[in-house]
């Protein structure tokens, strides 16, 4: 397959970022360069990722050849592009729910506490009402916290009555509620609903895929959460964008290989280190808490603290050896 991704173009983008770098001391220069790279929002790390057409082609090839280990590697690396911290912060963490479903689909369950930590149960404000409704139920399920589910389930049920919510949103949230209530017959129907709603709603698709990664993520989540007997009672969707062979393989391989599918050339090895590392741990703050101009409700808003989010990730990457010569 002829790649659209040009290493020379990647080097040029990287150099454009580093041309703006000025070393001011205070920490090792290599670490300062890493911080500059992660904080730069004009030419961001994600712009130096392979082209979307290449990811799509790799995915389609792995599906066509039924190379399920390779598919997990492609999905895992492609998903990390969407998990990069943004220095702008605000509500950008709302994509994490969908990112986490893709992580479940390729077996990366270890990042739940980074993308959807317990702290997110404090968040009631949002740009998209679907996020807190779905994220809070998932948090209650994952951390097996009945106290969270006690209020998260009624809030999710209230969301389900919204006329403006999409088929995909309702099906995903209904599936989570089925897991909470232990209704496997309904869960099978709702998982099919996720598959049916997937191509009709482009808004929450993390990346173009030839199959419904969100349904696969929910199916894998169910295997982790449910007793074996209950999981066996969950019917797989029979639909064109669900891959039963892949789902069966994942049932037998809960922790597949997730090494990099695309490796950067040696002079850009720093990017290999970034994509091999765990995603950034979400950092929240209440930016209006002490603001005299903010309304009482606004003072309770929680948002991603972009600067801390990025800076703490740089510190973690450095401790892992990323960026060190």
Foldseek 3Di string as FASTA:
>chain_A
DDFPQDLVVLVVLLVVQVVPDDDDDPDDPLLSSVLSQLQDPVRHLLVSDGDQVVLQVQLVVCVVVVVLLSNLQSLLLVLLSLQRFYLVWFQSLLLLVVSLLSCLLSQNNVCCCQSQNPVCLLAPDHPDNLRNLQSQLVNCQVVVPVVSVVPSVVSNVVVLPDPPDFQLSNLNSVLSVCLVVLPQVVNLVSLLSNQVRVVVDPPSDPGDYQARSNSSSSLSVSLVRDDPVSNVSRDHHDDRRDDPSSSVVCSVVNHRDNQHPDQRPPVVNLSSLVSVDRRFRFDKDQVCLPPPPDDPVSSSHIITNRVCRSVVVSVVSVVVVRSPD
